[in-house]
Amino acid sequence: MNAPYDRVALIGLGLIAGSMALAMRRAGMTAEIVGTARSAETRAAAERRSFCDRVVVTAAEAVANADLVVLAVPVGAMAAVAAEIGPHLMPGATVTDVGSVKRAVIDDVAPHIPPGVHFIPGHPLAGTERSGPDSGFAELFDNRFCLLIDEGADPQALTRLADFWKALGAQVETMDADHHDRVLAVTSHTPHLIAYTMVGVADDLRRVTDSEVIRYSAAGFRDFTRIAASDPTMWRDVFLNNREATLEILGRFTEELFALQRAIRKGDGDHLHAYFTRTRAIRRGIVEAGQDTDAPDFGRGGRS
């Protein structure tokens, strides 16, 4: 297919960037893919997998003459990377990102984008607990949503970027940054925090030995451990940069937890049954939207 872009620069070569490159090749895009990463080990792994046409040492070198630049680094590193590449961006190029927080990224990146360059933040809602260049696979974005932030973006540049993501298999929708951060606090950030906490609680319960936690893990706890195995640097930055929305949703979660605690203490089966019925309906809605399958995998599913 004709590539929406002639040269794509991937800044950061982990799961998302590697999967983007592989999905581009699967789609038949002829764009040159230039990649870079801070770590020499990561650059070597990307060269070994050959999903980039060229792997270079610096971000400034990677963005030279690129008409699409993808910032695929932890949220906390966005400002430094943007400052480095700003003077080297080609007029008319589009800069996007794949971070899980959007308002903080805009605040950090936008000041470094020169006039004539389009900055359109993005967030593909896809991933696994794995990280690094060896974790990528071309199907990662299939039927997953990619959210693009439309806050005065150039319409042609926005359409071009949306078409790019659709070619990678994603469904594309637009929203503003603050709404994105609130939605993700509900659907991703707070659930991750809860998973980290639950696994930490199990680790602290000395009445349950390490071997019992591992050997007798039911599906629910296995899913918690899968989530809690996610990249710690990325999630540290997510919580620090979306703290207001996450704390708001965490407060709501605490209220709900106290209500369930009271129902259990009082033996209020009607309250518990009604609550679980409502939450079950949300799960069905996710399956019906095509964002998961109802096939039982007992927490041992593959790439999802």
Protein backbone atom coordinates (compact mmCIF):
# COMPACT_ATOMS: atom_id res chain seq x y z
CA MET A 1 0.00 0.00 0.00
CA ASN A 2 1.02 3.62 -0.38
CA ALA A 3 2.43 4.72 2.94
CA PRO A 4 0.73 7.70 4.61
CA TYR A 5 4.27 8.81 5.47
CA ASP A 6 7.62 8.49 3.70
CA ARG A 7 9.83 8.25 6.77
CA VAL A 8 8.70 7.31 10.29
CA ALA A 9 10.95 7.95 13.28
CA LEU A 10 10.35 5.79 16.35
CA ILE A 11 11.81 7.34 19.50
CA GLY A 12 11.92 4.47 21.95
CA LEU A 13 11.92 0.87 20.74
CA GLY A 14 9.82 -1.05 23.24
CA LEU A 15 6.61 -3.06 22.89
CA ILE A 16 4.51 -0.33 21.27
CA ALA A 17 7.10 1.00 18.82
CA GLY A 18 8.21 -2.48 17.83
CA SER A 19 4.61 -3.53 17.26
CA MET A 20 3.99 -0.38 15.20
CA ALA A 21 6.92 -1.21 12.94
CA LEU A 22 5.81 -4.81 12.50
CA ALA A 23 2.21 -3.72 11.83
CA MET A 24 3.46 -1.24 9.23
CA ARG A 25 5.28 -4.02 7.43
CA ARG A 26 2.25 -6.29 7.66
CA ALA A 27 0.16 -3.53 6.05
CA GLY A 28 2.65 -3.30 3.20
CA MET A 29 3.76 0.24 4.00
CA THR A 30 6.85 1.29 2.11
CA ALA A 31 7.88 4.00 4.55
CA GLU A 32 11.44 3.99 5.82
CA ILE A 33 11.45 3.26 9.56
CA VAL A 34 14.22 4.85 11.59
CA GLY A 35 14.47 3.98 15.26
CA THR A 36 16.45 4.98 18.30
CA ALA A 37 16.54 4.18 22.00
CA ARG A 38 18.57 5.44 24.92
CA SER A 39 19.96 2.01 25.72
CA ALA A 40 22.59 0.43 23.46
CA GLU A 41 21.19 -2.96 24.48
CA THR A 42 17.72 -1.96 23.25
CA ARG A 43 19.13 -0.63 19.98
CA ALA A 44 21.00 -3.90 19.44
CA ALA A 45 17.84 -5.92 20.10
CA ALA A 46 15.91 -3.81 17.57
CA GLU A 47 18.62 -4.36 14.99
CA ARG A 48 18.49 -8.09 15.68
CA ARG A 49 14.73 -8.16 15.04
CA SER A 50 15.15 -5.99 11.92
CA PHE A 51 11.87 -4.12 12.29
CA CYS A 52 13.65 -0.83 11.56
CA ASP A 53 15.42 0.01 8.34
CA ARG A 54 17.97 1.96 10.37
CA VAL A 55 18.72 2.19 14.08
CA VAL A 56 20.60 5.31 15.09
CA VAL A 57 22.13 6.53 18.35
CA THR A 58 20.36 9.85 18.95
CA ALA A 59 16.80 11.10 18.70
CA ALA A 60 17.99 14.16 16.80
CA GLU A 61 19.46 11.92 14.12
CA ALA A 62 16.34 9.76 13.99
CA VAL A 63 13.92 12.61 13.25
CA ALA A 64 15.94 14.10 10.37
CA ASN A 65 13.62 14.35 7.34
CA ALA A 66 10.96 12.23 9.05
CA ASP A 67 7.38 13.22 8.27
CA LEU A 68 6.03 11.22 11.23
CA VAL A 69 7.76 11.16 14.61
CA VAL A 70 6.44 8.84 17.30
CA LEU A 71 7.46 9.46 20.90
CA ALA A 72 7.32 6.01 22.50
CA VAL A 73 9.19 6.77 25.71
CA PRO A 74 7.96 6.91 29.34
CA VAL A 75 5.82 9.96 30.10
CA GLY A 76 8.49 11.33 32.42
CA ALA A 77 11.03 11.39 29.57
CA MET A 78 8.84 13.24 27.05
CA ALA A 79 10.05 16.76 27.86
CA ALA A 80 13.74 15.95 27.47
CA VAL A 81 13.17 14.10 24.20
CA ALA A 82 11.00 16.92 22.81
CA ALA A 83 13.67 19.47 23.68
CA GLU A 84 16.28 17.40 21.87
CA ILE A 85 14.34 16.85 18.66
CA GLY A 86 12.58 20.22 18.38
CA PRO A 87 15.32 22.02 16.39
CA HIS A 88 15.65 19.05 14.00
CA LEU A 89 12.01 18.50 13.03
CA MET A 90 11.11 18.85 9.38
CA PRO A 91 8.52 21.53 8.48
CA GLY A 92 5.16 19.89 7.84
CA ALA A 93 6.01 16.81 9.91
CA THR A 94 3.63 15.33 12.45
CA VAL A 95 4.77 14.51 15.97
CA THR A 96 2.65 12.12 18.01
CA ASP A 97 3.12 9.99 21.11
CA VAL A 98 1.76 6.79 22.63
CA GLY A 99 1.68 7.80 26.30
CA SER A 100 -1.08 6.82 28.69
CA VAL A 101 -1.44 10.40 30.00
CA LYS A 102 -2.21 13.29 27.70
CA ARG A 103 -2.45 16.67 29.49
CA ALA A 104 0.98 16.30 31.07
CA VAL A 105 2.47 15.20 27.75
CA ILE A 106 1.00 18.23 26.00
CA ASP A 107 2.41 20.52 28.68
CA ASP A 108 5.86 18.92 28.34
CA VAL A 109 6.08 18.50 24.56
CA ALA A 110 4.11 21.33 22.93
CA PRO A 111 6.52 24.15 23.95
CA HIS A 112 9.29 22.42 21.98
CA ILE A 113 7.34 21.92 18.74
CA PRO A 114 8.33 24.59 16.21
CA PRO A 115 5.85 26.43 13.99
CA GLY A 116 4.87 24.45 10.92
CA VAL A 117 5.09 21.10 12.70
CA HIS A 118 1.88 19.34 13.74
CA PHE A 119 1.68 17.90 17.26
CA ILE A 120 -1.18 15.42 17.65
CA PRO A 121 -0.98 13.41 20.90
CA GLY A 122 -2.17 9.84 20.71
CA HIS A 123 -2.73 6.78 22.83
CA PRO A 124 -3.21 3.25 21.44
CA LEU A 125 -5.20 1.31 24.02
CA ALA A 126 -3.17 -1.83 23.53
CA GLY A 127 -0.39 -3.54 25.36
CA THR A 128 0.71 -6.49 27.42
CA GLU A 129 2.65 -6.83 30.65
CA ARG A 130 5.76 -7.44 28.55
CA SER A 131 8.16 -4.68 27.54
CA GLY A 132 11.18 -4.22 25.33
CA PRO A 133 11.82 -4.67 21.60
CA ASP A 134 11.53 -8.45 21.75
CA SER A 135 7.93 -8.15 22.96
CA GLY A 136 6.39 -6.51 19.89
CA PHE A 137 4.04 -8.26 17.48
CA ALA A 138 2.13 -7.03 14.44
CA GLU A 139 -1.35 -7.90 15.73
CA LEU A 140 -1.14 -5.81 18.91
CA PHE A 141 -3.44 -3.04 17.64
CA ASP A 142 -6.01 -5.18 15.83
CA ASN A 143 -9.52 -3.98 16.76
CA ARG A 144 -8.10 -1.92 19.63
CA PHE A 145 -8.89 1.76 19.99
CA CYS A 146 -6.34 4.47 19.35
CA LEU A 147 -7.37 7.80 20.86
CA LEU A 148 -6.10 10.94 19.15
CA ILE A 149 -6.27 14.28 20.93
CA ASP A 150 -7.99 16.89 18.81
CA GLU A 151 -7.40 20.26 20.41
CA GLY A 152 -7.13 22.47 17.34
CA ALA A 153 -5.18 19.95 15.27
CA ASP A 154 -4.79 20.57 11.55
CA PRO A 155 -7.66 18.56 9.95
CA GLN A 156 -5.51 17.11 7.16
CA ALA A 157 -2.75 16.11 9.54
CA LEU A 158 -5.29 14.54 11.89
CA THR A 159 -6.92 12.55 9.08
CA ARG A 160 -3.53 11.38 7.84
CA LEU A 161 -2.53 10.14 11.29
CA ALA A 162 -5.92 8.47 11.80
CA ASP A 163 -5.54 6.65 8.46
CA PHE A 164 -2.09 5.49 9.55
CA TRP A 165 -3.45 3.95 12.75
CA LYS A 166 -6.35 2.34 10.91
CA ALA A 167 -3.88 0.69 8.56
CA LEU A 168 -2.17 -0.76 11.65
CA GLY A 169 -5.48 -2.41 12.59
CA ALA A 170 -6.78 0.08 15.16
CA GLN A 171 -10.12 1.80 15.54
CA VAL A 172 -9.58 5.54 15.87
CA GLU A 173 -11.53 8.08 17.91
CA THR A 174 -10.76 11.63 18.99
CA MET A 175 -11.27 13.41 22.32
CA ASP A 176 -9.79 16.22 24.37
CA ALA A 177 -6.86 15.64 26.72
CA ASP A 178 -8.63 16.15 30.05
CA HIS A 179 -11.45 13.79 29.16
CA HIS A 180 -8.91 11.21 28.01
CA ASP A 181 -7.08 11.37 31.34
CA ARG A 182 -10.30 10.95 33.31
CA VAL A 183 -11.45 8.00 31.19
CA LEU A 184 -8.09 6.26 31.49
CA ALA A 185 -8.03 6.84 35.25
CA VAL A 186 -11.18 4.69 35.37
CA THR A 187 -10.33 2.06 32.78
CA SER A 188 -6.58 1.63 33.25
CA HIS A 189 -4.71 3.66 35.84
CA THR A 190 -6.73 2.90 38.98
CA PRO A 191 -7.15 -0.81 38.06
CA HIS A 192 -3.38 -1.06 37.72
CA LEU A 193 -2.90 0.58 41.11
CA ILE A 194 -5.37 -1.87 42.66
CA ALA A 195 -3.56 -4.79 41.04
CA TYR A 196 -0.21 -3.61 42.38
CA THR A 197 -1.79 -3.25 45.82
CA MET A 198 -3.43 -6.70 45.82
CA VAL A 199 -0.20 -8.41 44.81
CA GLY A 200 1.62 -6.40 47.47
CA VAL A 201 -0.94 -7.50 50.08
CA ALA A 202 -0.39 -11.15 49.17
CA ASP A 203 3.34 -10.63 49.49
CA ASP A 204 2.85 -9.16 52.98
CA LEU A 205 0.58 -11.91 54.31
CA ARG A 206 3.03 -14.05 56.21
CA ARG A 207 0.27 -16.55 56.99
CA VAL A 208 0.31 -17.43 53.26
CA THR A 209 3.64 -18.78 52.15
CA ASP A 210 5.27 -17.78 48.88
CA SER A 211 4.81 -21.27 47.49
CA GLU A 212 1.08 -21.24 48.29
CA VAL A 213 0.57 -17.87 46.60
CA ILE A 214 2.24 -19.21 43.47
CA ARG A 215 0.82 -22.75 43.45
CA TYR A 216 -2.77 -21.97 44.37
CA SER A 217 -3.32 -18.74 42.46
CA ALA A 218 -6.88 -18.59 41.15
CA ALA A 219 -7.67 -16.81 37.90
CA GLY A 220 -8.41 -13.48 39.58
CA PHE A 221 -5.07 -13.30 41.37
CA ARG A 222 -3.21 -14.49 38.26
CA ASP A 223 -4.74 -11.59 36.32
CA PHE A 224 -3.65 -9.20 39.07
CA THR A 225 -0.08 -10.51 38.85
CA ARG A 226 -0.09 -10.15 35.06
CA ILE A 227 -1.09 -6.49 35.37
CA ALA A 228 1.33 -5.91 38.24
CA ALA A 229 4.18 -7.24 36.09
CA SER A 230 3.93 -4.18 33.82
CA ASP A 231 6.86 -1.84 33.34
CA PRO A 232 7.47 -0.05 36.67
CA THR A 233 9.04 3.07 35.13
CA MET A 234 6.09 3.61 32.82
CA TRP A 235 3.52 3.21 35.58
CA ARG A 236 5.42 5.37 38.04
CA ASP A 237 5.29 8.17 35.47
CA VAL A 238 1.61 7.56 34.71
CA PHE A 239 0.56 8.00 38.33
CA LEU A 240 2.76 11.03 38.90
CA ASN A 241 1.43 12.72 35.76
CA ASN A 242 -2.25 11.86 36.12
CA ARG A 243 -2.46 12.19 39.87
CA GLU A 244 -5.62 14.33 40.10
CA ALA A 245 -7.84 12.05 38.01
CA THR A 246 -6.38 8.90 39.55
CA LEU A 247 -6.85 10.16 43.11
CA GLU A 248 -10.45 11.13 42.32
CA ILE A 249 -11.28 7.67 40.98
CA LEU A 250 -9.35 6.00 43.78
CA GLY A 251 -11.49 7.94 46.26
CA ARG A 252 -14.64 6.66 44.55
CA PHE A 253 -13.22 3.14 44.65
CA THR A 254 -12.57 3.45 48.38
CA GLU A 255 -16.18 4.52 48.97
CA GLU A 256 -17.46 1.53 46.98
CA LEU A 257 -15.12 -0.80 48.85
CA PHE A 258 -16.38 0.46 52.22
CA ALA A 259 -19.98 -0.10 51.07
CA LEU A 260 -19.20 -3.69 50.11
CA GLN A 261 -17.36 -4.16 53.39
CA ARG A 262 -20.47 -3.04 55.29
CA ALA A 263 -22.69 -5.34 53.22
CA ILE A 264 -20.48 -8.34 53.95
CA ARG A 265 -20.31 -7.49 57.65
CA LYS A 266 -24.11 -7.10 57.87
CA GLY A 267 -24.82 -10.17 55.74
CA ASP A 268 -26.66 -8.04 53.17
CA GLY A 269 -26.87 -10.55 50.33
CA ASP A 270 -29.33 -8.45 48.33
CA HIS A 271 -26.85 -5.57 48.12
CA LEU A 272 -24.01 -7.87 47.06
CA HIS A 273 -26.12 -9.66 44.44
CA ALA A 274 -27.38 -6.38 42.93
CA TYR A 275 -23.85 -4.95 42.84
CA PHE A 276 -22.33 -8.02 41.20
CA THR A 277 -25.18 -8.14 38.66
CA ARG A 278 -24.47 -4.56 37.62
CA THR A 279 -20.74 -5.14 37.29
CA ARG A 280 -21.32 -8.34 35.32
CA ALA A 281 -23.27 -6.32 32.75
CA ILE A 282 -20.23 -4.07 32.23
CA ARG A 283 -18.13 -7.14 31.43
CA ARG A 284 -20.69 -8.26 28.89
CA GLY A 285 -20.58 -4.83 27.30
CA ILE A 286 -16.80 -5.07 26.87
CA VAL A 287 -17.15 -8.46 25.14
CA GLU A 288 -19.97 -7.21 22.91
CA ALA A 289 -17.81 -4.22 21.90
CA GLY A 290 -15.19 -6.66 20.63
CA GLN A 291 -12.56 -5.58 23.17
CA ASP A 292 -12.25 -9.04 24.71
CA THR A 293 -13.50 -12.56 24.23
CA ASP A 294 -15.80 -14.50 26.53
CA ALA A 295 -13.79 -17.68 25.92
CA PRO A 296 -12.47 -18.98 29.25
CA ASP A 297 -8.70 -18.74 29.52
CA PHE A 298 -8.44 -18.63 33.32
CA GLY A 299 -5.93 -15.83 33.28
CA ARG A 300 -3.54 -17.68 31.00
CA GLY A 301 -4.42 -15.98 27.74
CA GLY A 302 -1.80 -15.04 25.21
CA ARG A 303 -1.34 -11.63 23.67
CA SER A 304 -4.18 -9.38 24.69
